[in-house]
Amino acid sequence: MHADIVFTGGTVRSGDASVHDALAVTDGRISGLGAEALVARGPRTTVVDLAGGALLPAFGDGHVHPVLGGLGLRGVPVRECASVEEIVEAVRRWAAEHPEAEWITGDGFDPWLAPDGRFDARWLDAAVSDRPVVLRTTDHHTAWVNSEALRGAAYTAATPDPAGGEIVRRNGSAEPLGTLREFGALNPVLALVPTPSREAHVDALREACARFAASGVTWVQDALVEPHHADAWVTAATTGPGLPVRADLCFLLEPDGWRERIARFAADRERVESAAPGVLTARSVKFFADGVIESGTASLLEPYTDCPHSHGIATWTPGELAAAVTAVDALGFRPHLHAIGDGGVRAALDAIEAAARTNGPRDRRPVIAHAELIDPADLPRFTELTVIANLQPLWAQCDPLMRELILPRIGPERGGRQYQIATLLAAGARVSFGSDWPVTSHEPLRGIATAVTRQTPDGTPAGGWLPAERIDTPTALAAYSTGCAHQAFEEKEWGALRPGMRADLVHLAADPIGTAPAELARLPVLGTWLAGRRTHDAAAPDGSCAGRR
């Protein structure tokens, strides 16, 4: 039987340390390697010349926000702004160009651009005073708003901090400054912003998924799904050209009314999976255990260095988090917990342990995402409780966020045990990688480069930041492939290149194993295939190739 596609002319890395010179695909699955692949060529076989490059298992992304990221590409372009003044000017310009917009929004500015991450509403008022403005930082846990937005949410000096949030005050008074931290404070403002149409959600999702395909990604964990996001996924997967990625949807569960919400989860799962079998699953439930260190809202076991009276914000009480995780676990969902501080990580581990104790043993594969700061006593619990540590390797560098906001808040001892990728792996923990896009870049090769070097893009510091936590290139590649496949419960289907497995493939311009670590981030992605269907072609005018092999 002749193959549909044969790849030759380069290095084929299977992901399990074996190397070949060819790979064949038949009916969307790998049908041969090496000599067996070469003899499978027939008159109708598409032959792909790797041109001296490398074919590898496609990447996954174990924690990403496709709908939010796609929508964030609209609005005020603040992501590349390098100062407060540039942001204000971008807002002024966008507002003038869009006089019809009721609200002015933008995503992705750097939280260190103002001293101590404190942004003043008056700075935005100077650009726009007649319409509300809401801008969110890269981590999405902080918003900078103008005075009109504060008035719309009825935030005044008399407004107490809401549960699970902080209204930052002006120095020396109770007047809101214009900086809102965490969702308890953000949500009353965000609820006033007009919701984009279903068409806008679907378009945003398609644009996001095209970007994933162009980066070699074929599976994503959407780590925050509300009902209208699920509708967008279903529509995008079942109409038009379909999607260039598969996805697992992670339903958001917040403390208020959580018992009523989970009553609908099973029906939501059935609706998603029956609508797009083989493309969409809905196996996970998302929890926020805490906030982020840069805002002083991550939950810490010991107080913040720069704020000795504060341990941050625990989004759930320990008892309620354990009860909620146990409840969703009993329904067959996999808990996926955002936990940044060592207090948040411990609360997440305690909740997972409580669920296992109550519901009994099974292959549940719970996920703790980010795990930026882990108390030494909790490191072995990842292995003991079979918790997947989904880490964002692009964060493991000493960039301005780390220098200006994080390290001053937690001090040198805690600062020296962040993003312990190598330590977790050495302890036997399962590790998968993700981007958390739009927080940081969705491109896996940039994350791989950082995991291997622990350096900023300009190569600092020499030898890497916390160099004992560096990992080698094969290990970093595996975290984005086999690690994500394990997280997806699909390690027998993809994540490696073996006969019978799905042909989820990425073609790189050079072999990453032979590429200098500092160059990995710039390694071109020449092609991506999802079950043998080409979803990205760098040689095409727009990179797309719907319907092509």
Protein backbone atom coordinates (compact mmCIF):
# COMPACT_ATOMS: atom_id res chain seq x y z
CA MET A 1 0.00 0.00 0.00
CA HIS A 2 1.40 3.37 -0.99
CA ALA A 3 1.64 6.18 1.52
CA ASP A 4 -0.23 9.46 1.20
CA ILE A 5 2.82 11.50 2.25
CA VAL A 6 6.51 10.69 2.60
CA PHE A 7 8.90 13.07 4.32
CA THR A 8 12.55 12.77 3.36
CA GLY A 9 15.70 14.82 2.95
CA GLY A 10 16.30 15.66 6.58
CA THR A 11 16.28 14.37 10.15
CA VAL A 12 13.22 12.68 11.62
CA ARG A 13 13.31 12.77 15.41
CA SER A 14 10.75 10.43 16.90
CA GLY A 15 10.70 11.99 20.35
CA ASP A 16 11.95 8.76 21.99
CA ALA A 17 15.65 9.26 21.14
CA SER A 18 15.52 7.36 17.84
CA VAL A 19 16.47 9.17 14.64
CA HIS A 20 15.39 8.33 11.07
CA ASP A 21 15.80 9.72 7.57
CA ALA A 22 12.19 9.38 6.39
CA LEU A 23 8.60 9.11 7.61
CA ALA A 24 5.44 7.96 5.83
CA VAL A 25 1.83 8.94 6.53
CA THR A 26 -1.26 6.99 5.45
CA ASP A 27 -4.82 7.97 6.32
CA GLY A 28 -3.60 10.55 8.82
CA ARG A 29 -1.37 8.17 10.78
CA ILE A 30 2.31 7.35 10.72
CA SER A 31 2.75 4.23 8.62
CA GLY A 32 6.51 3.86 8.39
CA LEU A 33 9.92 5.16 9.39
CA GLY A 34 13.26 5.05 7.63
CA ALA A 35 13.61 2.52 4.79
CA GLU A 36 10.05 1.33 5.32
CA ALA A 37 8.82 4.86 4.63
CA LEU A 38 10.96 5.29 1.52
CA VAL A 39 9.63 2.16 -0.19
CA ALA A 40 6.05 3.32 0.48
CA ARG A 41 6.30 6.05 -2.16
CA GLY A 42 3.88 5.64 -5.04
CA PRO A 43 2.73 7.65 -8.05
CA ARG A 44 0.20 9.62 -5.99
CA THR A 45 2.33 10.05 -2.88
CA THR A 46 3.07 13.63 -1.86
CA VAL A 47 6.79 13.84 -1.15
CA VAL A 48 7.84 16.56 1.27
CA ASP A 49 11.48 17.55 1.09
CA LEU A 50 12.69 18.49 4.54
CA ALA A 51 15.53 20.42 2.89
CA GLY A 52 18.03 19.48 5.55
CA GLY A 53 15.67 20.42 8.36
CA ALA A 54 14.02 18.27 10.98
CA LEU A 55 10.62 16.63 11.42
CA LEU A 56 9.46 16.27 15.01
CA PRO A 57 6.28 15.55 16.97
CA ALA A 58 4.11 18.66 16.86
CA PHE A 59 3.88 20.76 19.98
CA GLY A 60 1.05 21.07 22.46
CA ASP A 61 0.26 23.99 24.73
CA GLY A 62 -0.91 22.86 28.14
CA HIS A 63 -2.23 26.23 29.35
CA VAL A 64 -3.37 28.94 26.95
CA HIS A 65 -6.30 31.30 26.37
CA PRO A 66 -7.17 31.25 22.65
CA VAL A 67 -10.43 33.20 22.77
CA LEU A 68 -9.05 35.86 25.11
CA GLY A 69 -5.86 36.08 23.11
CA GLY A 70 -7.68 36.44 19.82
CA LEU A 71 -9.97 39.12 21.20
CA GLY A 72 -6.97 40.88 22.70
CA LEU A 73 -5.56 41.43 19.23
CA ARG A 74 -8.35 43.97 18.80
CA GLY A 75 -8.62 47.26 20.69
CA VAL A 76 -5.79 49.60 21.63
CA PRO A 77 -2.39 48.10 20.64
CA VAL A 78 -0.58 48.53 23.95
CA ARG A 79 1.48 45.32 24.04
CA GLU A 80 4.55 46.87 22.40
CA CYS A 81 4.40 50.15 24.32
CA ALA A 82 7.59 50.77 26.29
CA SER A 83 6.37 53.53 28.63
CA VAL A 84 3.29 54.99 30.27
CA GLU A 85 3.50 57.90 27.87
CA GLU A 86 3.41 55.59 24.85
CA ILE A 87 0.33 53.82 26.24
CA VAL A 88 -1.49 57.09 26.84
CA GLU A 89 -0.68 58.26 23.32
CA ALA A 90 -1.87 54.93 21.87
CA VAL A 91 -5.16 55.32 23.76
CA ARG A 92 -5.56 58.91 22.54
CA ARG A 93 -4.93 57.90 18.93
CA TRP A 94 -7.21 54.85 19.00
CA ALA A 95 -10.05 56.82 20.63
CA ALA A 96 -9.82 59.50 17.95
CA GLU A 97 -9.92 56.83 15.22
CA HIS A 98 -12.92 55.06 16.80
CA PRO A 99 -15.39 57.74 17.96
CA GLU A 100 -18.20 55.17 17.84
CA ALA A 101 -16.63 52.90 20.51
CA GLU A 102 -18.55 53.06 23.80
CA TRP A 103 -15.64 51.57 25.73
CA ILE A 104 -11.94 51.69 24.97
CA THR A 105 -10.09 48.49 25.83
CA GLY A 106 -6.63 47.02 25.34
CA ASP A 107 -4.62 44.05 26.56
CA GLY A 108 -1.03 43.23 27.27
CA PHE A 109 0.89 46.21 28.67
CA ASP A 110 3.79 45.57 31.02
CA PRO A 111 2.95 45.97 34.72
CA TRP A 112 6.39 47.32 35.63
CA LEU A 113 6.04 50.47 33.52
CA ALA A 114 4.74 52.39 36.55
CA PRO A 115 6.51 52.46 39.92
CA ASP A 116 5.36 49.54 42.06
CA GLY A 117 2.85 48.67 39.34
CA ARG A 118 0.58 51.57 40.38
CA PHE A 119 -1.16 53.19 37.40
CA ASP A 120 -3.11 56.44 37.79
CA ALA A 121 -6.55 57.01 36.25
CA ARG A 122 -5.64 60.66 35.70
CA TRP A 123 -2.94 59.68 33.20
CA LEU A 124 -5.61 58.06 31.04
CA ASP A 125 -8.06 60.91 31.69
CA ALA A 126 -5.63 63.20 29.91
CA ALA A 127 -6.19 61.13 26.76
CA VAL A 128 -9.87 60.18 27.13
CA SER A 129 -12.20 61.61 29.76
CA ASP A 130 -15.63 61.16 28.16
CA ARG A 131 -15.61 57.37 27.73
CA PRO A 132 -14.46 54.56 30.01
CA VAL A 133 -11.02 53.05 29.35
CA VAL A 134 -9.96 49.60 30.60
CA LEU A 135 -6.48 48.27 29.89
CA ARG A 136 -5.24 44.93 31.22
CA THR A 137 -1.66 43.99 32.00
CA THR A 138 0.10 41.06 30.36
CA ASP A 139 -0.87 38.75 33.24
CA HIS A 140 -4.55 39.83 33.05
CA HIS A 141 -4.68 40.00 36.85
CA THR A 142 -4.44 43.81 36.91
CA ALA A 143 -6.35 46.54 35.07
CA TRP A 144 -5.59 50.20 34.60
CA VAL A 145 -8.79 52.24 34.22
CA ASN A 146 -9.68 55.89 33.81
CA SER A 147 -12.00 57.89 36.07
CA GLU A 148 -15.03 57.27 33.85
CA ALA A 149 -14.59 53.50 34.25
CA LEU A 150 -14.28 53.91 38.03
CA ARG A 151 -17.52 55.91 38.04
CA GLY A 152 -19.27 53.27 35.94
CA ALA A 153 -18.38 50.60 38.50
CA ALA A 154 -19.39 52.94 41.36
CA TYR A 155 -15.90 52.70 42.86
CA THR A 156 -15.39 55.52 45.37
CA ALA A 157 -13.38 56.17 48.49
CA ALA A 158 -16.21 54.55 50.44
CA THR A 159 -16.11 51.30 48.43
CA PRO A 160 -14.46 48.49 50.39
CA ASP A 161 -12.13 46.07 48.66
CA PRO A 162 -14.27 43.28 47.23
CA ALA A 163 -13.68 39.65 48.12
CA GLY A 164 -10.87 38.32 45.98
CA GLY A 165 -9.68 41.70 44.76
CA GLU A 166 -8.01 45.00 45.59
CA ILE A 167 -8.91 48.55 44.62
CA VAL A 168 -5.53 50.29 44.85
CA ARG A 169 -5.81 53.63 46.66
CA ARG A 170 -4.03 56.92 46.27
CA ASN A 171 -1.24 57.42 48.74
CA GLY A 172 -2.60 59.08 51.85
CA SER A 173 -6.27 58.64 50.96
CA ALA A 174 -8.97 56.06 50.26
CA GLU A 175 -9.66 57.40 46.77
CA PRO A 176 -9.29 54.76 44.05
CA LEU A 177 -6.07 55.33 42.13
CA GLY A 178 -7.06 53.66 38.88
CA THR A 179 -5.35 50.28 39.37
CA LEU A 180 -7.51 47.23 40.05
CA ARG A 181 -5.99 43.91 41.11
CA GLU A 182 -7.51 40.45 40.79
CA PHE A 183 -10.89 39.42 39.47
CA GLY A 184 -12.91 40.42 42.52
CA ALA A 185 -12.03 44.04 41.67
CA LEU A 186 -11.86 43.62 37.87
CA ASN A 187 -15.15 41.83 37.27
CA PRO A 188 -17.53 44.71 38.21
CA VAL A 189 -15.79 46.84 35.57
CA LEU A 190 -15.42 44.11 32.95
CA ALA A 191 -19.12 43.25 33.33
CA LEU A 192 -19.94 46.70 31.97
CA VAL A 193 -17.86 46.30 28.80
CA PRO A 194 -20.08 45.35 25.83
CA THR A 195 -19.65 41.65 25.04
CA PRO A 196 -18.27 41.00 21.54
CA SER A 197 -20.64 39.20 19.21
CA ARG A 198 -20.53 35.44 18.67
CA GLU A 199 -19.06 36.13 15.24
CA ALA A 200 -16.29 38.19 16.83
CA HIS A 201 -15.53 35.35 19.26
CA VAL A 202 -15.36 32.81 16.43
CA ASP A 203 -13.16 35.07 14.30
CA ALA A 204 -10.86 35.68 17.25
CA LEU A 205 -10.61 31.96 17.89
CA ARG A 206 -9.81 31.19 14.27
CA GLU A 207 -7.09 33.84 14.26
CA ALA A 208 -5.60 32.47 17.46
CA CYS A 209 -5.58 28.89 16.16
CA ALA A 210 -3.91 29.97 12.92
CA ARG A 211 -1.12 31.44 15.05
CA PHE A 212 -0.78 28.18 16.95
CA ALA A 213 -0.48 26.22 13.69
CA ALA A 214 2.18 28.62 12.44
CA SER A 215 4.16 27.87 15.61
CA GLY A 216 3.96 24.09 15.23
CA VAL A 217 1.15 23.57 17.76
CA THR A 218 -1.62 21.00 17.13
CA TRP A 219 -3.25 20.66 20.58
CA VAL A 220 -4.13 23.26 23.20
CA GLN A 221 -5.62 23.31 26.66
CA ASP A 222 -7.98 26.28 26.75
CA ALA A 223 -7.48 27.09 30.40
CA LEU A 224 -10.46 29.37 31.00
CA VAL A 225 -13.75 28.57 29.29
CA GLU A 226 -17.05 30.26 29.97
CA PRO A 227 -20.26 29.09 28.24
CA HIS A 228 -20.01 31.57 25.35
CA HIS A 229 -16.38 30.52 24.78
CA ALA A 230 -17.53 26.91 24.42
CA ASP A 231 -20.10 28.04 21.85
CA ALA A 232 -17.32 29.74 19.85
CA TRP A 233 -15.21 26.59 19.91
CA VAL A 234 -18.08 24.44 18.68
CA THR A 235 -18.96 26.87 15.91
CA ALA A 236 -15.35 27.20 14.76
CA ALA A 237 -14.83 23.44 14.81
CA THR A 238 -17.99 22.58 12.88
CA THR A 239 -18.23 25.33 10.26
CA GLY A 240 -16.08 26.63 7.43
CA PRO A 241 -12.62 25.09 7.16
CA GLY A 242 -12.70 23.75 10.73
CA LEU A 243 -9.77 24.21 13.07
CA PRO A 244 -6.04 23.57 12.65
CA VAL A 245 -5.73 22.38 16.27
CA ARG A 246 -7.48 20.06 18.69
CA ALA A 247 -8.43 21.40 22.09
CA ASP A 248 -9.50 20.40 25.56
CA LEU A 249 -11.80 22.97 27.16
CA CYS A 250 -11.40 23.83 30.80
CA PHE A 251 -14.61 25.19 32.36
CA LEU A 252 -14.07 28.06 34.79
CA LEU A 253 -15.33 27.54 38.34
CA GLU A 254 -15.32 30.48 40.75
CA PRO A 255 -16.19 30.45 44.46
CA ASP A 256 -19.55 32.24 44.23
CA GLY A 257 -22.31 29.81 43.34
CA TRP A 258 -19.95 27.00 42.45
CA ARG A 259 -22.34 24.23 43.49
CA GLU A 260 -25.00 25.47 41.10
CA ARG A 261 -22.48 25.91 38.29
CA ILE A 262 -21.05 22.38 38.38
CA ALA A 263 -24.54 20.97 38.05
CA ARG A 264 -24.35 22.04 34.38
CA PHE A 265 -20.82 20.83 33.65
CA ALA A 266 -21.71 17.30 32.57
CA ALA A 267 -24.27 18.61 30.05
CA ASP A 268 -21.74 21.19 28.80
CA ARG A 269 -19.17 18.43 28.32
CA GLU A 270 -21.62 16.27 26.37
CA ARG A 271 -22.65 19.19 24.17
CA VAL A 272 -19.05 20.05 23.25
CA GLU A 273 -17.79 16.53 22.70
CA SER A 274 -20.80 15.31 20.72
CA ALA A 275 -20.64 18.37 18.45
CA ALA A 276 -16.98 17.93 17.48
CA PRO A 277 -15.77 14.40 18.28
CA GLY A 278 -12.08 13.91 17.73
CA VAL A 279 -11.51 17.67 17.71
CA LEU A 280 -12.84 18.96 21.04
CA THR A 281 -12.90 17.45 24.50
CA ALA A 282 -14.10 19.09 27.70
CA ARG A 283 -12.46 17.14 30.48
CA SER A 284 -11.15 19.86 32.78
CA VAL A 285 -12.30 22.47 35.31
CA LYS A 286 -10.27 25.59 36.06
CA PHE A 287 -9.71 27.01 39.54
CA PHE A 288 -7.78 30.10 40.61
CA ALA A 289 -6.07 29.29 43.89
CA ASP A 290 -4.48 32.74 44.10
CA GLY A 291 -3.23 35.72 42.10
CA VAL A 292 0.27 36.74 40.96
CA ILE A 293 3.40 37.78 42.83
CA GLU A 294 4.02 40.96 40.83
CA SER A 295 0.72 42.38 42.10
CA GLY A 296 1.21 41.10 45.63
CA THR A 297 -1.86 38.88 45.20
CA ALA A 298 -0.27 35.41 45.00
CA SER A 299 -0.88 33.48 48.21
CA LEU A 300 2.33 33.08 50.24
CA LEU A 301 3.04 30.95 53.29
CA GLU A 302 5.12 33.79 54.77
CA PRO A 303 4.38 37.51 54.32
CA TYR A 304 5.58 39.57 51.39
CA THR A 305 8.99 41.13 51.98
CA ASP A 306 7.78 44.57 50.89
CA CYS A 307 4.45 44.28 52.72
CA PRO A 308 4.96 42.39 55.99
CA HIS A 309 1.25 42.40 56.89
CA SER A 310 0.19 40.65 53.67
CA HIS A 311 0.20 37.01 52.59
CA GLY A 312 -1.55 37.88 49.31
CA ILE A 313 -5.00 36.72 48.27
CA ALA A 314 -6.27 33.15 48.48
CA THR A 315 -9.16 33.08 46.02
CA TRP A 316 -10.89 30.20 47.86
CA THR A 317 -10.93 29.22 51.50
CA PRO A 318 -9.02 25.94 51.88
CA GLY A 319 -12.16 24.03 52.83
CA GLU A 320 -14.23 25.30 49.93
CA LEU A 321 -11.43 24.67 47.43
CA ALA A 322 -11.08 21.10 48.64
CA ALA A 323 -14.85 20.59 48.48
CA ALA A 324 -15.09 22.01 44.97
CA VAL A 325 -12.12 20.05 43.62
CA THR A 326 -13.55 16.88 45.18
CA ALA A 327 -16.95 17.57 43.59
CA VAL A 328 -15.64 18.07 40.05
CA ASP A 329 -13.30 15.10 40.44
CA ALA A 330 -16.30 12.95 41.37
CA LEU A 331 -17.92 13.98 38.07
CA GLY A 332 -14.92 12.69 36.16
CA PHE A 333 -13.39 16.09 35.41
CA ARG A 334 -9.69 16.79 35.84
CA PRO A 335 -8.98 19.78 38.14
CA HIS A 336 -6.68 22.38 36.60
CA LEU A 337 -5.53 24.85 39.23
CA HIS A 338 -3.77 28.17 38.76
CA ALA A 339 -1.36 28.41 41.71
CA ILE A 340 1.55 30.87 41.76
CA GLY A 341 2.65 31.40 45.37
CA ASP A 342 3.79 28.66 47.73
CA GLY A 343 0.58 29.14 49.73
CA GLY A 344 -1.51 28.74 46.61
CA VAL A 345 0.44 25.66 45.55
CA ARG A 346 -0.02 24.06 48.97
CA ALA A 347 -3.76 24.78 48.94
CA ALA A 348 -4.01 23.23 45.46
CA LEU A 349 -2.08 20.12 46.52
CA ASP A 350 -4.21 19.79 49.67
CA ALA A 351 -7.39 19.99 47.59
CA ILE A 352 -6.14 17.36 45.14
CA GLU A 353 -5.16 15.09 48.03
CA ALA A 354 -8.60 15.52 49.59
CA ALA A 355 -10.29 14.58 46.29
CA ALA A 356 -8.18 11.44 45.92
CA ARG A 357 -8.84 10.44 49.53
CA THR A 358 -12.60 10.92 49.16
CA ASN A 359 -13.14 9.57 45.64
CA GLY A 360 -10.58 6.79 45.62
CA PRO A 361 -7.69 5.95 43.31
CA ARG A 362 -7.82 6.42 39.54
CA ASP A 363 -5.78 7.92 36.75
CA ARG A 364 -6.97 11.51 37.28
CA ARG A 365 -3.89 13.54 36.16
CA PRO A 366 -4.67 16.78 38.00
CA VAL A 367 -2.81 19.87 36.81
CA ILE A 368 -1.26 22.70 38.78
CA ALA A 369 -0.42 25.47 36.36
CA HIS A 370 2.46 27.92 36.87
CA ALA A 371 3.76 26.65 40.26
CA GLU A 372 6.14 29.58 40.34
CA LEU A 373 7.07 29.22 44.00
CA ILE A 374 6.93 25.84 45.76
CA ASP A 375 7.79 25.23 49.39
CA PRO A 376 10.49 22.53 49.65
CA ALA A 377 8.18 20.34 51.72
CA ASP A 378 5.66 20.30 48.88
CA LEU A 379 7.99 19.34 46.03
CA PRO A 380 7.66 15.55 46.55
CA ARG A 381 3.87 15.83 46.69
CA PHE A 382 3.70 16.47 42.94
CA THR A 383 5.04 12.94 42.39
CA GLU A 384 3.12 11.35 45.26
CA LEU A 385 -0.21 12.77 44.04
CA THR A 386 0.64 12.28 40.32
CA VAL A 387 0.13 16.01 39.73
CA ILE A 388 1.18 17.41 36.37
CA ALA A 389 3.17 20.62 36.80
CA ASN A 390 2.24 22.74 33.80
CA LEU A 391 4.99 25.33 33.64
CA GLN A 392 5.51 28.40 31.51
CA PRO A 393 9.21 28.23 30.62
CA LEU A 394 9.26 31.67 29.02
CA TRP A 395 8.74 33.11 32.52
CA ALA A 396 11.98 31.52 33.82
CA GLN A 397 14.19 34.51 33.09
CA CYS A 398 15.37 37.57 35.00
CA ASP A 399 13.49 40.13 32.92
CA PRO A 400 12.20 43.56 34.06
CA LEU A 401 9.07 41.97 35.59
CA MET A 402 11.30 39.76 37.74
CA ARG A 403 13.74 42.53 38.66
CA GLU A 404 11.31 45.40 39.22
CA LEU A 405 8.32 43.73 40.84
CA ILE A 406 8.74 40.06 41.76
CA LEU A 407 12.14 39.89 43.48
CA PRO A 408 11.54 43.01 45.61
CA ARG A 409 8.27 41.51 46.83
CA ILE A 410 9.61 38.10 47.93
CA GLY A 411 13.30 38.65 48.70
CA PRO A 412 16.39 36.64 47.74
CA GLU A 413 15.68 33.30 49.44
CA ARG A 414 12.27 32.77 47.86
CA GLY A 415 13.41 34.53 44.72
CA GLY A 416 16.12 31.90 44.35
CA ARG A 417 13.68 28.98 44.14
CA GLN A 418 11.33 30.04 41.38
CA TYR A 419 10.35 27.96 38.35
CA GLN A 420 12.07 24.80 39.57
CA ILE A 421 11.78 22.90 36.32
CA ALA A 422 14.86 20.70 36.73
CA THR A 423 14.10 20.05 40.41
CA LEU A 424 10.57 18.86 39.67
CA LEU A 425 11.78 16.57 36.90
CA ALA A 426 14.53 15.15 39.11
CA ALA A 427 11.91 14.42 41.76
CA GLY A 428 9.97 12.32 39.23
CA ALA A 429 7.15 14.80 38.65
CA ARG A 430 5.30 14.96 35.35
CA VAL A 431 5.97 18.27 33.61
CA SER A 432 4.20 19.80 30.64
CA PHE A 433 4.82 23.20 29.13
CA GLY A 434 2.42 25.96 28.16
CA SER A 435 2.51 29.60 27.18
CA ASP A 436 -0.41 31.21 29.02
CA TRP A 437 -0.78 33.33 25.86
CA PRO A 438 -1.72 36.17 25.66
CA VAL A 439 0.26 36.65 28.87
CA THR A 440 3.44 35.70 26.99
CA SER A 441 4.29 34.46 23.51
CA HIS A 442 2.48 31.39 22.16
CA GLU A 443 5.61 30.20 20.30
CA PRO A 444 6.99 26.99 21.88
CA LEU A 445 10.49 27.49 20.48
CA ARG A 446 10.83 30.70 22.49
CA GLY A 447 9.84 28.82 25.63
CA ILE A 448 12.24 25.99 24.81
CA ALA A 449 15.12 28.44 24.36
CA THR A 450 14.42 29.99 27.76
CA ALA A 451 14.09 26.63 29.52
CA VAL A 452 17.48 25.60 28.14
CA THR A 453 19.34 28.87 28.74
CA ARG A 454 17.41 30.59 31.57
CA GLN A 455 18.45 33.83 29.83
CA THR A 456 16.67 36.85 28.43
CA PRO A 457 16.70 37.23 24.63
CA ASP A 458 19.83 39.39 24.87
CA GLY A 459 21.70 36.56 26.61
CA THR A 460 21.71 37.75 30.21
CA PRO A 461 22.81 36.74 32.70
CA ALA A 462 25.84 34.79 31.52
CA GLY A 463 25.29 31.15 32.41
CA GLY A 464 21.60 31.70 33.01
CA TRP A 465 19.39 32.79 35.89
CA LEU A 466 19.26 30.07 38.57
CA PRO A 467 21.32 27.86 36.23
CA ALA A 468 20.77 24.69 38.28
CA GLU A 469 17.19 24.73 36.94
CA ARG A 470 18.27 24.66 33.27
CA ILE A 471 17.22 21.61 31.26
CA ASP A 472 18.55 20.28 27.97
CA THR A 473 16.89 20.67 24.59
CA PRO A 474 15.46 17.11 24.30
CA THR A 475 13.82 17.48 27.72
CA ALA A 476 12.33 20.85 26.80
CA LEU A 477 11.01 19.48 23.50
CA ALA A 478 9.44 16.56 25.35
CA ALA A 479 7.63 18.87 27.78
CA TYR A 480 5.90 20.50 24.80
CA SER A 481 5.10 17.17 23.10
CA THR A 482 4.94 14.00 25.20
CA GLY A 483 4.28 16.06 28.33
CA CYS A 484 1.26 17.76 26.76
CA ALA A 485 0.06 14.48 25.21
CA HIS A 486 0.11 12.91 28.68
CA GLN A 487 -1.81 15.88 30.05
CA ALA A 488 -4.38 15.34 27.28
CA PHE A 489 -4.73 11.62 28.15
CA GLU A 490 -3.60 10.96 24.56
CA GLU A 491 0.01 9.80 24.89
CA LYS A 492 -0.80 6.71 22.80
CA GLU A 493 -2.13 8.92 20.00
CA TRP A 494 0.38 11.75 19.60
CA GLY A 495 3.46 13.33 21.14
CA ALA A 496 5.89 10.89 19.49
CA LEU A 497 6.50 9.60 15.97
CA ARG A 498 5.76 5.88 15.94
CA PRO A 499 3.80 3.78 13.44
CA GLY A 500 0.10 3.87 14.23
CA MET A 501 0.20 7.23 15.97
CA ARG A 502 -1.47 10.33 14.55
CA ALA A 503 0.65 12.29 12.14
CA ASP A 504 0.79 15.48 14.19
CA LEU A 505 4.08 16.86 12.89
CA VAL A 506 6.22 19.99 12.80
CA HIS A 507 8.94 20.73 10.23
CA LEU A 508 11.74 22.96 11.53
CA ALA A 509 14.36 24.57 9.33
CA ALA A 510 17.17 22.88 11.28
CA ASP A 511 17.57 20.11 13.82
CA PRO A 512 16.97 21.71 17.25
CA ILE A 513 19.31 19.20 18.90
CA GLY A 514 22.19 20.58 16.83
CA THR A 515 21.12 24.21 17.16
CA ALA A 516 22.85 26.52 19.62
CA PRO A 517 20.45 27.06 22.54
CA ALA A 518 20.44 30.83 22.08
CA GLU A 519 19.31 30.33 18.46
CA LEU A 520 16.39 28.03 19.19
CA ALA A 521 13.91 30.90 19.53
CA ARG A 522 14.68 32.01 15.97
CA LEU A 523 14.42 28.58 14.36
CA PRO A 524 11.81 28.87 11.56
CA VAL A 525 8.73 26.64 11.58
CA LEU A 526 8.34 25.60 7.94
CA GLY A 527 5.27 23.40 8.21
CA THR A 528 2.72 21.85 10.56
CA TRP A 529 0.45 18.82 10.01
CA LEU A 530 -2.58 17.76 12.02
CA ALA A 531 -3.31 14.06 11.43
CA GLY A 532 -1.56 14.37 8.07
CA ARG A 533 -3.44 17.52 7.02
CA ARG A 534 -1.14 20.44 6.47
CA THR A 535 -2.20 23.38 8.60
CA HIS A 536 0.79 25.67 8.07
CA ASP A 537 3.08 26.21 5.12
CA ALA A 538 5.70 28.91 5.58
CA ALA A 539 6.19 29.04 1.81
CA ALA A 540 2.55 29.98 1.16
CA PRO A 541 1.80 33.71 0.83
CA ASP A 542 -0.13 33.82 4.09
CA GLY A 543 1.27 30.68 5.70
CA SER A 544 -2.08 28.91 5.48
CA CYS A 545 -2.94 25.77 3.60
CA ALA A 546 -6.49 24.72 4.41
CA GLY A 547 -7.35 21.38 2.91
CA ARG A 548 -3.81 20.59 1.75
CA ARG A 549 -1.59 17.70 2.61
